[in-house]
Amino acid sequence: INLCIANDYGIKDVAIHDKDASILIEPGFIVSDSDIMKADSRCASVEGTCAAYCPNVCMRSLTVAIPSSTPPDTKLHIEGTSSDGQSINPVTFMSYKKEPKDPTSLTAHRIMHVALPAGGSYTARFTEGYGQDTVWPRYASTSYEDTPNECGENFLSFDIEQPSVSCDELILNGNAGEGMPGGSIENWRHIAGGVQVVEGGADGSAYSLLSNNTQPGGKYYALAQYLDTRCMVEGYMYAFHAMVKLTNQDGSLFECNVGAWSSSPFSCPDANLISKYGLTDWTGEWPIVGSMVESGNEWNVMEGVFTVSAFDAGAGTVAVEISGAPAGVNIQIDQVSISRIEETGSPTNSPVTSPPTSSPSAFPTISPFPLNVPPLHQSSADFTSGSVSFDGDAIIFSSTSGQEATILSKTAYTSNDPSAYVEIMVEYLGRDIFGTGYQAALALFFAGETETIGGVTGNDNTYETFENTVVATVKDKMYYSMDHVWFSMKNKAVDGSTVSTGGSGSYKMTTGGKFKLTRLNGYVMSYHYVNGEWVQIGTSQELPEDYKMVPLKVGMRIKREWKAEYYLKVYPIITFDAAQNQ
């Protein structure tokens, strides 16, 4: 095999896996004869071929994506040891690919292809040009290119050094280059519609940013910016603010209907936080973090407050996206800001691939066997008609037309002892998969004793409102093709805010799966059932004084994940010492 032609074209990162020794005398890899491909000392150059042979070596391929706006001479320096503890030859990677056709597209990245011995432990750092100072390009999303375990294990570790940073303000160039001749779109991206500087901004400023949503257009037209992932620390709280101007194609002002559903022809745009793991076959979440609070002016306020979740903290890329205007309505923005709110508490650990094995010792593990069992059913609960039905004590959530589904106990529960213990646990008796993507999720929740079914029922666009309304909730999340489940718990905090924690498990939450939500000694906590034992999801969270001892209603609801179809059958158990209001 001769790789000289590829080398002449600047392709210096070829890796060919000879699985069955049909090329080499023994299985291994044929790679470009370049320093970056010969991290393993067993790789030997073959004269005249521009190739090197690596017998009995398994090279895993990792894609590292950084912002397209990063200088082309950005380098990634890697050192470490292979799986047998031997030091590798230090290697330096660069992006040898062509510049992105549209570097302002949200999907455009500068890509580095890293090939290293399987199972090794590696450290890396970025530099620019001839400088040796460590830099950070706002994000570095990593994903394996090759088939998992095709010839060896994933890297034991791949840690990229991240210099310290101030997280007081996350948005760069939030004023469209105010003070610069002609303004600037620097750091801004788009999803269709492009991004451009136009004259005239909020409060008489010189410039603003525009996404031109020409017909036929759509609600997916967006302006966006990638955020610095160093500031995505679980528990950090941020305030989002932007000034928004909406115009029709003839330049006249468009007045949206604040609070309207996204399907409305007069819906207002929102700001979403888009957190993604992976590049092509990615998984992600996109909660609303900012909403229009007015619409009758030329420039109107969009604002919100959000807390970084465990999912956000572990994501490879995190971006804020402003989108959702009806087709043909242009979005113009100015004075965009995401500022850190102080006193947000200490962050907890980011999500890990393997679930934790124990709970904090300060909180006793509750027996899975209930003291009393008053299951939710027709006589003891309010529920949405048509999407909630019953099979004995089992509850079925189902729809083929996108109906919302909620059930809420009529009775509020607590114990008479100082622990104020109350718990809702469910076991899946059945769960159908519909199509691709994320499946409809089940949320367990506690609500105040005066809460009504209408107050906790809504569509996906208002799910954040639900999370801020209830006392506490925990939700599962499952992707159709992955043997993995994510959990997110949110609850009212001592300071009146809503805090979040989360976790995950390497299994599908289907028939036989269990999870639960518990209040005990003024704290709320959640668990999932793994290999015969209850494993805590994230950390225990203290409740405000008003909710530490009072009776709580219990309930469940569906977050459809924008699915029209779902079917979930569960068996619920409410556990407590004594019930109030019976």
Protein backbone atom coordinates (compact mmCIF):
# COMPACT_ATOMS: atom_id res chain seq x y z
CA ILE A 1 0.00 0.00 0.00
CA ASN A 2 1.38 3.36 -1.05
CA LEU A 3 0.07 6.49 0.67
CA CYS A 4 2.34 9.01 -1.05
CA ILE A 5 -0.40 10.45 -3.26
CA ALA A 6 -2.59 11.06 -0.22
CA ASN A 7 0.40 12.61 1.52
CA ASP A 8 0.97 14.93 -1.46
CA TYR A 9 -2.61 16.16 -1.07
CA GLY A 10 -1.99 16.97 2.57
CA ILE A 11 -3.77 13.90 3.94
CA LYS A 12 -1.50 12.74 6.73
CA ASP A 13 -3.90 10.88 9.00
CA VAL A 14 -4.80 7.69 7.10
CA ALA A 15 -5.44 4.62 9.27
CA ILE A 16 -6.33 1.26 7.68
CA HIS A 17 -7.27 -1.66 9.93
CA ASP A 18 -5.99 -5.01 8.70
CA LYS A 19 -8.34 -7.16 10.77
CA ASP A 20 -7.40 -10.60 9.46
CA ALA A 21 -3.76 -10.14 8.38
CA SER A 22 -4.73 -10.18 4.71
CA ILE A 23 -2.20 -7.38 4.08
CA LEU A 24 0.26 -7.65 6.94
CA ILE A 25 1.81 -10.82 8.32
CA GLU A 26 -0.30 -10.33 11.44
CA PRO A 27 -3.34 -8.16 12.30
CA GLY A 28 -2.70 -4.50 12.92
CA PHE A 29 -2.83 -1.08 11.28
CA ILE A 30 -1.35 0.60 8.22
CA VAL A 31 -1.05 4.34 8.84
CA SER A 32 0.37 7.45 7.25
CA ASP A 33 4.10 7.72 7.86
CA SER A 34 3.67 10.92 9.85
CA ASP A 35 4.52 11.77 13.41
CA ILE A 36 0.88 12.14 14.36
CA MET A 37 0.06 8.56 13.33
CA LYS A 38 3.03 6.87 15.02
CA ALA A 39 2.25 7.48 18.67
CA ASP A 40 2.80 3.76 19.28
CA SER A 41 6.49 2.87 19.14
CA ARG A 42 5.64 -0.46 17.44
CA CYS A 43 4.77 1.42 14.23
CA ALA A 44 7.63 1.20 11.72
CA SER A 45 8.09 3.20 8.52
CA VAL A 46 8.17 1.37 5.18
CA GLU A 47 10.56 3.08 2.82
CA GLY A 48 9.11 4.51 -0.38
CA THR A 49 5.44 4.06 0.60
CA CYS A 50 4.75 7.06 2.86
CA ALA A 51 3.17 4.42 5.12
CA ALA A 52 4.00 2.79 8.42
CA TYR A 53 3.03 -0.70 9.60
CA CYS A 54 1.80 -1.22 13.15
CA PRO A 55 1.53 -4.99 13.78
CA ASN A 56 -0.59 -6.13 16.73
CA VAL A 57 -1.59 -2.54 17.43
CA CYS A 58 -5.18 -1.35 17.85
CA MET A 59 -5.60 2.32 16.99
CA ARG A 60 -8.83 3.96 18.08
CA SER A 61 -10.01 6.97 16.05
CA LEU A 62 -11.37 9.99 17.88
CA THR A 63 -12.88 13.09 16.29
CA VAL A 64 -12.22 16.34 18.14
CA ALA A 65 -14.47 19.19 16.98
CA ILE A 66 -13.68 22.79 17.88
CA PRO A 67 -15.27 26.06 16.68
CA SER A 68 -14.93 26.85 12.98
CA SER A 69 -13.81 30.34 13.98
CA THR A 70 -10.74 28.90 15.71
CA PRO A 71 -7.48 29.88 13.95
CA PRO A 72 -6.43 27.23 11.39
CA ASP A 73 -3.03 26.88 13.06
CA THR A 74 -4.59 25.62 16.30
CA LYS A 75 -2.74 22.52 17.50
CA LEU A 76 -3.66 19.69 19.86
CA HIS A 77 -0.66 18.25 21.74
CA ILE A 78 -1.11 14.79 23.25
CA GLU A 79 1.00 12.76 25.66
CA GLY A 80 0.26 9.69 27.75
CA THR A 81 0.62 5.97 28.12
CA SER A 82 -0.78 3.00 26.23
CA SER A 83 -2.83 0.29 27.93
CA ASP A 84 0.34 -1.55 28.98
CA GLY A 85 1.69 1.55 30.75
CA GLN A 86 4.30 2.37 28.08
CA SER A 87 4.72 6.06 27.21
CA ILE A 88 3.59 6.96 23.71
CA ASN A 89 5.54 9.20 21.38
CA PRO A 90 4.14 12.72 21.98
CA VAL A 91 2.00 13.75 19.00
CA THR A 92 0.56 17.02 17.73
CA PHE A 93 -2.59 17.18 15.62
CA MET A 94 -4.00 19.94 13.45
CA SER A 95 -7.06 20.26 11.24
CA TYR A 96 -6.09 19.27 7.69
CA LYS A 97 -9.60 19.55 6.29
CA LYS A 98 -10.85 22.32 4.05
CA GLU A 99 -12.41 25.38 5.60
CA PRO A 100 -16.17 24.93 6.18
CA LYS A 101 -18.27 26.12 3.25
CA ASP A 102 -20.30 28.28 5.62
CA PRO A 103 -18.33 28.84 8.85
CA THR A 104 -21.30 30.72 10.36
CA SER A 105 -23.52 27.63 10.25
CA LEU A 106 -24.18 26.09 13.67
CA THR A 107 -23.16 22.71 12.25
CA ALA A 108 -19.74 23.95 11.06
CA HIS A 109 -16.72 22.86 13.10
CA ARG A 110 -12.97 22.66 12.68
CA ILE A 111 -12.21 18.94 12.89
CA MET A 112 -9.14 17.06 14.13
CA HIS A 113 -8.85 13.30 13.69
CA VAL A 114 -6.90 11.68 16.50
CA ALA A 115 -5.58 8.10 16.27
CA LEU A 116 -4.11 6.60 19.45
CA PRO A 117 -3.56 3.13 20.91
CA ALA A 118 -6.72 1.66 22.41
CA GLY A 119 -7.17 1.61 26.18
CA GLY A 120 -4.55 4.27 26.87
CA SER A 121 -4.57 7.22 29.25
CA TYR A 122 -3.92 10.55 27.58
CA THR A 123 -3.64 14.24 28.39
CA ALA A 124 -3.95 16.96 25.78
CA ARG A 125 -3.81 20.71 25.42
CA PHE A 126 -4.44 23.28 22.68
CA THR A 127 -2.01 25.94 21.46
CA GLU A 128 -2.18 28.48 18.64
CA GLY A 129 0.47 29.18 16.00
CA TYR A 130 4.02 29.08 17.34
CA GLY A 131 2.89 29.94 20.85
CA GLN A 132 3.26 27.47 23.69
CA ASP A 133 0.62 28.90 26.02
CA THR A 134 -2.33 26.59 26.60
CA VAL A 135 -5.57 27.93 25.12
CA TRP A 136 -9.17 26.75 25.10
CA PRO A 137 -11.38 27.09 21.99
CA ARG A 138 -14.72 27.46 23.91
CA TYR A 139 -15.57 23.78 23.32
CA ALA A 140 -13.90 20.54 22.24
CA SER A 141 -16.46 17.87 21.43
CA THR A 142 -15.04 14.35 21.20
CA SER A 143 -16.59 11.24 19.69
CA TYR A 144 -15.20 7.93 18.49
CA GLU A 145 -15.22 7.46 14.71
CA ASP A 146 -14.76 3.70 14.67
CA THR A 147 -16.98 0.88 15.88
CA PRO A 148 -16.81 0.48 19.67
CA ASN A 149 -14.56 -2.41 20.75
CA GLU A 150 -13.82 -3.31 17.11
CA CYS A 151 -10.24 -4.12 18.03
CA GLY A 152 -9.82 -2.67 21.52
CA GLU A 153 -11.32 -0.72 24.39
CA ASN A 154 -12.12 2.97 24.54
CA PHE A 155 -9.43 5.22 25.96
CA LEU A 156 -9.19 4.85 29.72
CA SER A 157 -9.01 8.65 29.83
CA PHE A 158 -8.64 11.56 27.42
CA ASP A 159 -8.34 14.77 29.41
CA ILE A 160 -7.88 18.15 27.73
CA GLU A 161 -6.32 20.89 29.83
CA GLN A 162 -8.62 23.87 30.35
CA PRO A 163 -7.17 27.17 31.57
CA SER A 164 -9.24 29.00 34.17
CA VAL A 165 -11.90 31.41 32.94
CA SER A 166 -14.33 34.02 34.26
CA CYS A 167 -17.96 32.98 33.86
CA ASP A 168 -19.48 36.35 34.73
CA GLU A 169 -20.65 36.81 31.10
CA LEU A 170 -20.98 33.98 28.56
CA ILE A 171 -22.02 35.86 25.41
CA LEU A 172 -19.34 37.31 23.15
CA ASN A 173 -20.24 40.25 20.90
CA GLY A 174 -23.77 40.58 22.25
CA ASN A 175 -24.05 44.09 20.74
CA ALA A 176 -23.29 43.22 17.08
CA GLY A 177 -19.87 44.84 17.13
CA GLU A 178 -20.99 48.16 18.58
CA GLY A 179 -18.12 50.62 18.22
CA MET A 180 -16.59 48.80 15.25
CA PRO A 181 -16.95 50.23 11.72
CA GLY A 182 -19.84 48.36 10.10
CA GLY A 183 -20.46 46.21 13.17
CA SER A 184 -19.55 42.52 13.43
CA ILE A 185 -21.13 39.05 13.38
CA GLU A 186 -18.12 37.51 15.13
CA ASN A 187 -18.98 34.44 17.26
CA TRP A 188 -22.56 34.28 15.96
CA ARG A 189 -23.99 31.33 14.03
CA HIS A 190 -27.25 30.53 12.30
CA ILE A 191 -29.56 27.66 11.44
CA ALA A 192 -30.85 28.73 8.00
CA GLY A 193 -31.51 32.38 7.22
CA GLY A 194 -27.86 33.40 7.62
CA VAL A 195 -26.59 35.97 10.09
CA GLN A 196 -25.87 39.56 9.15
CA VAL A 197 -25.27 42.95 10.72
CA VAL A 198 -27.92 45.59 10.02
CA GLU A 199 -28.05 49.22 10.99
CA GLY A 200 -30.15 50.21 13.98
CA GLY A 201 -30.28 48.49 17.33
CA ALA A 202 -32.13 48.66 20.61
CA ASP A 203 -32.08 51.92 22.57
CA GLY A 204 -30.62 53.82 19.62
CA SER A 205 -27.47 51.70 19.22
CA ALA A 206 -25.79 51.52 15.81
CA TYR A 207 -26.14 47.85 14.90
CA SER A 208 -28.02 44.64 15.53
CA LEU A 209 -28.00 41.07 14.20
CA LEU A 210 -30.56 39.69 11.74
CA SER A 211 -31.72 36.24 10.67
CA ASN A 212 -33.63 36.67 7.41
CA ASN A 213 -36.55 34.23 7.59
CA THR A 214 -37.68 34.48 3.96
CA GLN A 215 -40.65 32.50 2.67
CA PRO A 216 -41.28 29.62 2.90
CA GLY A 217 -38.98 29.82 5.92
CA GLY A 218 -39.84 28.21 9.21
CA LYS A 219 -39.61 28.27 12.99
CA TYR A 220 -36.22 26.55 12.84
CA TYR A 221 -34.55 29.69 11.43
CA ALA A 222 -32.29 30.79 14.23
CA LEU A 223 -29.44 32.91 15.51
CA ALA A 224 -27.12 31.05 17.86
CA GLN A 225 -23.81 31.18 19.71
CA TYR A 226 -21.67 28.43 21.21
CA LEU A 227 -20.93 28.95 24.91
CA ASP A 228 -17.73 28.20 26.77
CA THR A 229 -18.18 24.71 28.18
CA ARG A 230 -15.84 25.53 31.08
CA CYS A 231 -18.73 27.59 32.47
CA MET A 232 -21.21 24.72 32.20
CA VAL A 233 -20.82 23.66 35.81
CA GLU A 234 -23.76 21.83 37.32
CA GLY A 235 -25.58 24.10 39.73
CA TYR A 236 -24.37 27.38 38.23
CA MET A 237 -27.27 29.75 37.63
CA TYR A 238 -27.42 32.25 34.77
CA ALA A 239 -29.73 35.06 33.69
CA PHE A 240 -30.51 35.36 29.97
CA HIS A 241 -31.45 38.71 28.42
CA ALA A 242 -31.92 39.95 24.86
CA MET A 243 -33.76 42.68 23.00
CA VAL A 244 -35.76 41.29 20.08
CA LYS A 245 -37.35 42.96 17.07
CA LEU A 246 -39.68 41.00 14.77
CA THR A 247 -40.45 42.20 11.23
CA ASN A 248 -42.41 40.96 8.26
CA GLN A 249 -40.78 40.72 4.84
CA ASP A 250 -42.04 44.20 3.92
CA GLY A 251 -40.27 45.65 6.96
CA SER A 252 -43.40 46.21 9.03
CA LEU A 253 -43.37 45.17 12.68
CA PHE A 254 -44.77 41.77 13.61
CA GLU A 255 -46.48 41.52 16.99
CA CYS A 256 -46.40 38.01 18.41
CA ASN A 257 -48.75 36.64 21.05
CA VAL A 258 -46.75 36.28 24.27
CA GLY A 259 -47.40 32.87 25.79
CA ALA A 260 -48.91 31.36 22.63
CA TRP A 261 -48.12 27.73 21.80
CA SER A 262 -45.38 27.16 19.24
CA SER A 263 -47.98 25.86 16.76
CA SER A 264 -49.73 29.25 16.75
CA PRO A 265 -49.21 31.46 13.66
CA PHE A 266 -48.56 34.31 16.11
CA SER A 267 -46.11 32.50 18.41
CA CYS A 268 -43.12 34.34 19.83
CA PRO A 269 -39.54 33.11 19.51
CA ASP A 270 -37.73 31.61 22.50
CA ALA A 271 -34.14 31.09 23.55
CA ASN A 272 -33.11 27.46 23.96
CA LEU A 273 -29.99 26.01 25.56
CA ILE A 274 -28.84 23.26 23.20
CA SER A 275 -26.53 20.73 24.87
CA LYS A 276 -25.20 17.91 22.68
CA TYR A 277 -23.13 14.77 23.13
CA GLY A 278 -21.43 13.63 19.91
CA LEU A 279 -21.44 15.06 16.39
CA THR A 280 -23.30 12.95 13.83
CA ASP A 281 -25.31 10.44 15.88
CA TRP A 282 -25.73 12.93 18.68
CA THR A 283 -28.00 13.09 21.68
CA GLY A 284 -29.08 16.35 23.23
CA GLU A 285 -31.45 18.48 25.26
CA TRP A 286 -32.82 21.93 24.44
CA PRO A 287 -34.78 23.48 27.32
CA ILE A 288 -36.18 26.99 26.97
CA VAL A 289 -34.02 29.47 28.91
CA GLY A 290 -35.52 32.75 27.69
CA SER A 291 -38.99 33.88 26.60
CA MET A 292 -40.56 37.05 25.29
CA VAL A 293 -42.21 38.99 28.12
CA GLU A 294 -43.65 41.72 25.87
CA SER A 295 -44.34 42.24 22.17
CA GLY A 296 -46.03 45.61 21.66
CA ASN A 297 -42.86 47.66 21.14
CA GLU A 298 -40.35 47.95 18.32
CA TRP A 299 -37.75 46.27 20.54
CA ASN A 300 -39.02 43.82 23.16
CA VAL A 301 -37.47 42.05 26.12
CA MET A 302 -36.69 38.33 26.05
CA GLU A 303 -35.43 36.99 29.37
CA GLY A 304 -35.19 34.01 31.67
CA VAL A 305 -33.14 32.28 34.35
CA PHE A 306 -31.69 28.79 34.13
CA THR A 307 -29.54 26.42 36.16
CA VAL A 308 -26.90 24.26 34.50
CA SER A 309 -27.96 20.61 34.70
CA ALA A 310 -25.80 17.51 34.94
CA PHE A 311 -26.59 16.85 31.28
CA ASP A 312 -25.39 20.35 30.28
CA ALA A 313 -22.24 20.02 32.38
CA GLY A 314 -21.09 16.89 30.57
CA ALA A 315 -22.03 17.92 27.03
CA GLY A 316 -19.44 18.34 24.29
CA THR A 317 -21.09 21.48 22.92
CA VAL A 318 -23.54 23.93 24.48
CA ALA A 319 -25.13 26.71 22.46
CA VAL A 320 -27.88 29.26 23.00
CA GLU A 321 -30.30 29.47 20.08
CA ILE A 322 -32.97 32.13 19.47
CA SER A 323 -35.64 30.73 17.16
CA GLY A 324 -39.35 30.03 16.79
CA ALA A 325 -40.70 32.99 14.83
CA PRO A 326 -43.41 32.08 12.29
CA ALA A 327 -42.35 31.54 8.67
CA GLY A 328 -41.59 34.81 6.95
CA VAL A 329 -40.94 36.72 10.18
CA ASN A 330 -37.38 38.00 10.62
CA ILE A 331 -35.65 37.85 14.01
CA GLN A 332 -33.43 40.80 14.91
CA ILE A 333 -31.49 40.79 18.19
CA ASP A 334 -29.35 43.14 20.25
CA GLN A 335 -28.00 43.46 23.81
CA VAL A 336 -27.73 39.69 24.21
CA SER A 337 -26.35 38.58 27.56
CA ILE A 338 -26.00 35.47 29.70
CA SER A 339 -24.68 36.61 33.07
CA ARG A 340 -23.78 34.53 36.10
CA ILE A 341 -26.01 34.91 39.15
CA GLU A 342 -23.93 34.77 42.30
CA GLU A 343 -24.62 32.57 45.31
CA THR A 344 -25.81 29.65 43.24
CA GLY A 345 -24.33 27.00 45.50
CA SER A 346 -21.54 24.51 45.08
CA PRO A 347 -21.57 22.42 41.89
CA THR A 348 -21.88 18.65 42.03
CA ASN A 349 -20.18 16.11 39.83
CA SER A 350 -20.97 15.88 36.11
CA PRO A 351 -22.85 12.80 34.84
CA VAL A 352 -20.84 9.60 34.47
CA THR A 353 -21.32 6.63 32.15
CA SER A 354 -21.66 4.16 35.01
CA PRO A 355 -24.26 4.84 37.71
CA PRO A 356 -23.07 5.50 41.25
CA THR A 357 -23.03 2.54 43.60
CA SER A 358 -24.04 4.11 46.88
CA SER A 359 -26.08 6.87 48.42
CA PRO A 360 -24.80 9.60 50.78
CA SER A 361 -24.49 8.19 54.28
CA ALA A 362 -26.33 11.18 55.76
CA PHE A 363 -29.61 9.87 54.33
CA PRO A 364 -30.80 6.36 55.06
CA THR A 365 -31.70 4.10 52.15
CA ILE A 366 -35.46 3.53 52.19
CA SER A 367 -36.70 -0.02 51.97
CA PRO A 368 -38.44 -0.77 48.66
CA PHE A 369 -41.29 -2.33 50.62
CA PRO A 370 -44.02 0.24 51.40
CA LEU A 371 -45.59 0.84 54.78
CA ASN A 372 -48.95 1.67 53.23
CA VAL A 373 -50.04 1.24 49.63
CA PRO A 374 -52.76 3.63 48.45
CA PRO A 375 -52.24 3.38 44.67
CA LEU A 376 -53.43 6.08 42.33
CA HIS A 377 -56.64 5.02 40.60
CA GLN A 378 -59.98 6.40 39.42
CA SER A 379 -61.34 6.99 42.91
CA SER A 380 -58.26 8.63 44.44
CA ALA A 381 -56.91 10.80 41.63
CA ASP A 382 -57.70 13.43 39.00
CA PHE A 383 -56.43 12.60 35.51
CA THR A 384 -56.59 13.72 31.89
CA SER A 385 -59.38 12.03 29.98
CA GLY A 386 -58.50 9.97 26.92
CA SER A 387 -54.77 9.66 27.63
CA VAL A 388 -54.84 8.03 31.09
CA SER A 389 -56.58 4.71 31.71
CA PHE A 390 -56.42 1.94 34.30
CA ASP A 391 -55.85 -1.82 34.41
CA GLY A 392 -56.51 -2.73 38.02
CA ASP A 393 -53.95 -0.74 40.01
CA ALA A 394 -51.75 -0.24 36.95
CA ILE A 395 -51.89 3.05 35.03
CA ILE A 396 -51.64 3.33 31.24
CA PHE A 397 -50.48 6.52 29.54
CA SER A 398 -51.20 6.36 25.81
CA SER A 399 -51.97 8.53 22.81
CA THR A 400 -51.74 8.41 19.04
CA SER A 401 -52.49 12.11 18.50
CA GLY A 402 -50.20 14.04 20.81
CA GLN A 403 -52.53 14.33 23.82
CA GLU A 404 -50.99 15.44 27.10
CA ALA A 405 -51.25 12.99 30.01
CA THR A 406 -51.21 13.69 33.76
CA ILE A 407 -52.51 12.05 36.92
CA LEU A 408 -52.58 13.78 40.33
CA SER A 409 -53.67 12.39 43.68
CA LYS A 410 -56.69 14.01 45.31
CA THR A 411 -55.10 13.36 48.70
CA ALA A 412 -51.97 15.01 50.08
CA TYR A 413 -49.64 12.66 51.96
CA THR A 414 -47.03 12.87 54.70
CA SER A 415 -46.08 11.09 57.90
CA ASN A 416 -46.88 12.13 61.46
CA ASP A 417 -43.29 11.67 62.63
CA PRO A 418 -40.52 14.29 62.23
CA SER A 419 -39.15 12.65 59.05
CA ALA A 420 -42.23 13.78 57.01
CA TYR A 421 -41.53 10.78 54.78
CA VAL A 422 -43.45 10.39 51.53
CA GLU A 423 -42.46 8.54 48.38
CA ILE A 424 -43.81 7.66 44.94
CA MET A 425 -42.26 4.69 43.15
CA VAL A 426 -43.18 3.21 39.76
CA GLU A 427 -42.32 -0.02 37.99
CA TYR A 428 -42.71 -0.26 34.22
CA LEU A 429 -45.04 -3.03 33.11
CA GLY A 430 -44.74 -2.07 29.44
CA ARG A 431 -43.30 0.65 27.21
CA ASP A 432 -43.54 0.79 23.42
CA ILE A 433 -40.96 2.42 21.12
CA PHE A 434 -42.33 4.70 18.39
CA GLY A 435 -40.16 5.72 15.45
CA THR A 436 -36.73 7.21 16.07
CA GLY A 437 -35.36 9.88 18.41
CA TYR A 438 -36.19 10.42 22.05
CA GLN A 439 -39.24 8.60 23.37
CA ALA A 440 -41.99 10.10 25.49
CA ALA A 441 -40.72 10.42 29.07
CA LEU A 442 -42.39 9.80 32.42
CA ALA A 443 -42.07 12.31 35.26
CA LEU A 444 -42.91 11.62 38.92
CA PHE A 445 -43.64 14.66 41.04
CA PHE A 446 -44.68 16.13 44.38
CA ALA A 447 -47.05 19.11 44.40
CA GLY A 448 -48.56 21.38 47.01
CA GLU A 449 -51.77 20.22 48.68
CA THR A 450 -53.84 22.85 46.83
CA GLU A 451 -52.45 22.03 43.37
CA THR A 452 -54.92 21.11 40.61
CA ILE A 453 -54.65 18.86 37.56
CA GLY A 454 -54.80 21.92 35.30
CA GLY A 455 -51.82 23.50 37.04
CA VAL A 456 -49.51 20.59 36.28
CA THR A 457 -50.67 19.68 32.76
CA GLY A 458 -49.25 21.24 29.61
CA ASN A 459 -47.33 20.64 26.42
CA ASP A 460 -43.58 20.28 25.98
CA ASN A 461 -43.11 24.00 25.43
CA THR A 462 -44.40 24.74 28.94
CA TYR A 463 -42.59 21.88 30.66
CA GLU A 464 -40.15 24.23 32.35
CA THR A 465 -43.13 26.06 33.87
CA PHE A 466 -44.31 22.72 35.27
CA GLU A 467 -40.85 22.08 36.77
CA ASN A 468 -40.93 25.48 38.45
CA THR A 469 -44.49 24.93 39.73
CA VAL A 470 -44.17 21.57 41.48
CA VAL A 471 -42.24 20.97 44.71
CA ALA A 472 -40.02 18.33 43.12
CA THR A 473 -39.96 16.10 40.05
CA VAL A 474 -37.76 13.42 38.53
CA LYS A 475 -37.98 12.40 34.87
CA ASP A 476 -36.48 9.59 32.82
CA LYS A 477 -35.26 10.11 29.25
CA MET A 478 -34.59 7.41 26.68
CA TYR A 479 -33.30 7.38 23.08
CA TYR A 480 -34.84 4.75 20.81
CA SER A 481 -31.57 3.07 19.75
CA MET A 482 -29.47 3.38 22.91
CA ASP A 483 -29.22 1.09 25.93
CA HIS A 484 -29.02 4.12 28.18
CA VAL A 485 -31.34 6.17 30.36
CA TRP A 486 -30.88 9.68 31.71
CA PHE A 487 -32.57 11.06 34.82
CA SER A 488 -33.15 14.71 35.72
CA MET A 489 -34.46 15.81 39.13
CA LYS A 490 -35.55 19.38 39.80
CA ASN A 491 -36.97 20.87 42.98
CA LYS A 492 -37.67 24.08 44.81
CA ALA A 493 -34.55 25.22 46.67
CA VAL A 494 -34.16 26.93 50.02
CA ASP A 495 -33.59 30.29 48.30
CA GLY A 496 -36.78 29.96 46.23
CA SER A 497 -35.04 29.04 42.97
CA THR A 498 -35.33 25.75 41.11
CA VAL A 499 -32.25 23.52 41.30
CA SER A 500 -31.41 20.41 39.32
CA THR A 501 -29.37 17.26 39.67
CA GLY A 502 -29.19 14.16 37.52
CA GLY A 503 -27.67 10.84 36.66
CA SER A 504 -27.81 8.03 34.14
CA GLY A 505 -27.70 4.28 33.71
CA SER A 506 -26.43 1.96 30.98
CA TYR A 507 -29.74 0.21 30.30
CA LYS A 508 -33.11 0.84 28.67
CA MET A 509 -35.87 1.98 31.03
CA THR A 510 -38.50 -0.46 29.80
CA THR A 511 -40.43 -3.39 31.32
CA GLY A 512 -39.12 -4.11 34.82
CA GLY A 513 -37.44 -0.72 35.22
CA LYS A 514 -38.09 1.20 38.44
CA PHE A 515 -37.44 4.67 39.77
CA LYS A 516 -38.79 6.76 42.62
CA LEU A 517 -38.98 10.18 44.24
CA THR A 518 -38.66 10.57 48.03
CA ARG A 519 -39.01 13.32 50.63
CA LEU A 520 -37.29 12.62 53.95
CA ASN A 521 -36.15 14.87 56.80
CA GLY A 522 -36.74 18.03 54.76
CA TYR A 523 -34.73 16.79 51.75
CA VAL A 524 -35.85 15.41 48.40
CA MET A 525 -33.98 12.65 46.60
CA SER A 526 -34.55 10.18 43.76
CA TYR A 527 -33.34 6.68 42.92
CA HIS A 528 -33.36 4.12 40.13
CA TYR A 529 -33.20 0.35 40.56
CA VAL A 530 -30.00 -1.22 39.21
CA ASN A 531 -28.88 -4.84 39.62
CA GLY A 532 -31.11 -5.45 42.61
CA GLU A 533 -30.42 -2.27 44.57
CA TRP A 534 -31.57 1.34 44.69
CA VAL A 535 -28.97 3.77 43.33
CA GLN A 536 -29.33 7.49 44.03
CA ILE A 537 -29.79 9.89 41.12
CA GLY A 538 -27.48 12.85 41.66
CA THR A 539 -27.53 14.35 45.14
CA SER A 540 -30.09 15.01 47.88
CA GLN A 541 -31.51 18.54 47.84
CA GLU A 542 -32.85 20.56 50.76
CA LEU A 543 -36.40 21.90 50.39
CA PRO A 544 -37.66 25.31 51.56
CA GLU A 545 -39.14 25.36 55.06
CA ASP A 546 -42.66 25.65 53.60
CA TYR A 547 -42.34 22.20 52.00
CA LYS A 548 -40.29 20.22 54.51
CA MET A 549 -43.17 18.93 56.65
CA VAL A 550 -46.45 19.73 54.87
CA PRO A 551 -48.61 17.13 53.14
CA LEU A 552 -47.80 16.73 49.45
CA LYS A 553 -49.85 15.53 46.52
CA VAL A 554 -48.18 12.96 44.30
CA GLY A 555 -48.53 12.61 40.56
CA MET A 556 -47.14 11.54 37.21
CA ARG A 557 -47.17 13.16 33.81
CA ILE A 558 -45.82 12.59 30.34
CA LYS A 559 -43.28 14.80 28.60
CA ARG A 560 -43.92 13.77 25.02
CA GLU A 561 -40.55 14.92 23.60
CA TRP A 562 -42.70 16.16 20.72
CA LYS A 563 -43.91 12.64 19.97
CA ALA A 564 -47.52 12.19 18.85
CA GLU A 565 -47.53 8.53 19.93
CA TYR A 566 -46.65 6.90 23.22
CA TYR A 567 -47.64 3.93 25.38
CA LEU A 568 -46.38 3.46 28.95
CA LYS A 569 -47.88 1.11 31.52
CA VAL A 570 -46.70 1.46 35.10
CA TYR A 571 -47.53 0.22 38.58
CA PRO A 572 -47.27 3.03 41.17
CA ILE A 573 -46.74 2.69 44.91
CA ILE A 574 -47.14 5.60 47.32
CA THR A 575 -45.29 4.96 50.57
CA PHE A 576 -45.73 6.94 53.80
CA ASP A 577 -46.23 6.47 57.52
CA ALA A 578 -49.66 8.05 57.80
CA ALA A 579 -51.84 9.96 55.37
CA GLN A 580 -53.37 13.34 56.04
CA ASN A 581 -56.76 14.51 54.80
CA GLN A 582 -58.24 11.02 54.49
